[in-house]
Amino acid sequence: CAPRDYDKKLMPFFTRLSPRYHSVIWLHLGFMYLNGLRKLGRDVSGARAKLEALIMEYRNVLETLEPSGKPYKTWLHSTEHGFSMASGQYLELIGAKS
């Protein structure tokens, strides 16, 4: 689950235009976490399947998601599609070799 929203009084002005951006779910962090668990010998197949389902649903590796699983979007800003950091972490997770 995503953390609480940040106190808007503590945010710089332009950050206030997209206040939940830093409180939503970041896929690359999830993949990093799973990579760490996998390297420790833990089974990550269930969580991996959930993240892969999101990739297939949106036909893309997204930067951020709402807790509902929908892409993050405001009137000013929306999630990045084809997010390379999450893509690279996913390739590491599935064991892709360069």
Protein backbone atom coordinates (compact mmCIF):
# COMPACT_ATOMS: atom_id res chain seq x y z
CA CYS A 1 0.00 0.00 0.00
CA ALA A 2 1.12 3.53 -0.65
CA PRO A 3 2.17 5.82 2.21
CA ARG A 4 0.15 8.81 3.37
CA ASP A 5 0.21 11.91 1.21
CA TYR A 6 2.89 14.44 2.09
CA ASP A 7 1.93 17.60 3.98
CA LYS A 8 1.37 20.16 1.21
CA LYS A 9 2.74 22.95 3.40
CA LEU A 10 6.14 21.25 3.24
CA MET A 11 6.14 20.94 -0.56
CA PRO A 12 7.72 23.37 -3.02
CA PHE A 13 5.11 25.19 -5.11
CA PHE A 14 5.43 23.15 -8.33
CA THR A 15 5.35 19.86 -6.41
CA ARG A 16 1.96 20.91 -5.03
CA LEU A 17 0.57 20.71 -8.58
CA SER A 18 1.03 16.93 -8.46
CA PRO A 19 0.96 16.22 -4.71
CA ARG A 20 0.40 12.46 -4.68
CA TYR A 21 3.22 11.74 -7.14
CA HIS A 22 5.70 10.78 -4.42
CA SER A 23 3.11 8.78 -2.48
CA VAL A 24 1.95 6.38 -5.20
CA ILE A 25 3.31 2.95 -6.08
CA TRP A 26 6.57 2.94 -8.04
CA LEU A 27 7.04 -0.24 -10.06
CA HIS A 28 10.84 -0.03 -10.20
CA LEU A 29 11.00 -0.12 -6.40
CA GLY A 30 8.82 -3.23 -6.37
CA PHE A 31 11.08 -4.92 -8.89
CA MET A 32 14.19 -3.91 -6.90
CA TYR A 33 12.65 -5.42 -3.77
CA LEU A 34 11.84 -8.65 -5.59
CA ASN A 35 15.35 -8.81 -7.05
CA GLY A 36 16.76 -8.54 -3.53
CA LEU A 37 14.47 -11.26 -2.21
CA ARG A 38 15.29 -13.51 -5.17
CA LYS A 39 19.03 -13.08 -4.56
CA LEU A 40 18.42 -14.16 -0.96
CA GLY A 41 16.84 -17.35 -2.26
CA ARG A 42 13.22 -16.37 -1.56
CA ASP A 43 10.35 -17.37 -3.82
CA VAL A 44 9.02 -14.25 -5.55
CA SER A 45 6.88 -15.97 -8.16
CA GLY A 46 3.54 -14.74 -6.74
CA ALA A 47 4.54 -11.06 -6.58
CA ARG A 48 6.31 -11.34 -9.93
CA ALA A 49 3.12 -12.68 -11.50
CA LYS A 50 1.13 -9.72 -10.15
CA LEU A 51 3.59 -7.22 -11.61
CA GLU A 52 3.69 -9.09 -14.91
CA ALA A 53 -0.13 -8.98 -15.03
CA LEU A 54 0.05 -5.17 -14.75
CA ILE A 55 2.59 -5.04 -17.57
CA MET A 56 0.31 -7.16 -19.74
CA GLU A 57 -2.82 -5.20 -18.78
CA TYR A 58 -1.30 -1.90 -19.85
CA ARG A 59 0.99 -3.40 -22.51
CA ASN A 60 3.76 -1.31 -21.05
CA VAL A 61 6.07 -0.93 -18.06
CA LEU A 62 4.69 2.06 -16.20
CA GLU A 63 6.47 4.36 -13.78
CA THR A 64 3.79 4.76 -11.12
CA LEU A 65 0.39 3.36 -10.19
CA GLU A 66 -2.41 4.40 -7.89
CA PRO A 67 -3.18 1.97 -5.03
CA SER A 68 -6.16 0.85 -7.17
CA GLY A 69 -3.71 -0.40 -9.81
CA LYS A 70 -4.59 2.31 -12.33
CA PRO A 71 -1.86 4.51 -13.84
CA TYR A 72 -1.15 7.67 -11.84
CA LYS A 73 -2.67 10.73 -13.54
CA THR A 74 -3.61 14.28 -12.64
CA TRP A 75 -4.79 17.19 -14.75
CA LEU A 76 -1.13 18.23 -15.12
CA HIS A 77 0.98 15.10 -14.89
CA SER A 78 0.71 11.41 -15.64
CA THR A 79 2.83 8.31 -15.26
CA GLU A 80 5.66 7.70 -17.67
CA HIS A 81 5.14 4.82 -20.10
CA GLY A 82 8.07 2.62 -21.05
CA PHE A 83 9.86 3.49 -17.81
CA SER A 84 13.40 2.24 -18.40
CA MET A 85 14.38 1.89 -14.73
CA ALA A 86 11.47 -0.48 -14.05
CA SER A 87 12.10 -2.26 -17.36
CA GLY A 88 15.72 -2.91 -16.43
CA GLN A 89 14.76 -4.19 -12.99
CA TYR A 90 12.20 -6.49 -14.58
CA LEU A 91 14.80 -7.88 -16.99
CA GLU A 92 17.08 -8.55 -14.04
CA LEU A 93 14.22 -10.30 -12.24
CA ILE A 94 13.50 -12.67 -15.11
CA GLY A 95 17.21 -13.39 -15.53
CA ALA A 96 17.71 -11.74 -18.92
CA LYS A 97 21.34 -11.62 -19.98
CA SER A 98 22.85 -8.76 -21.96
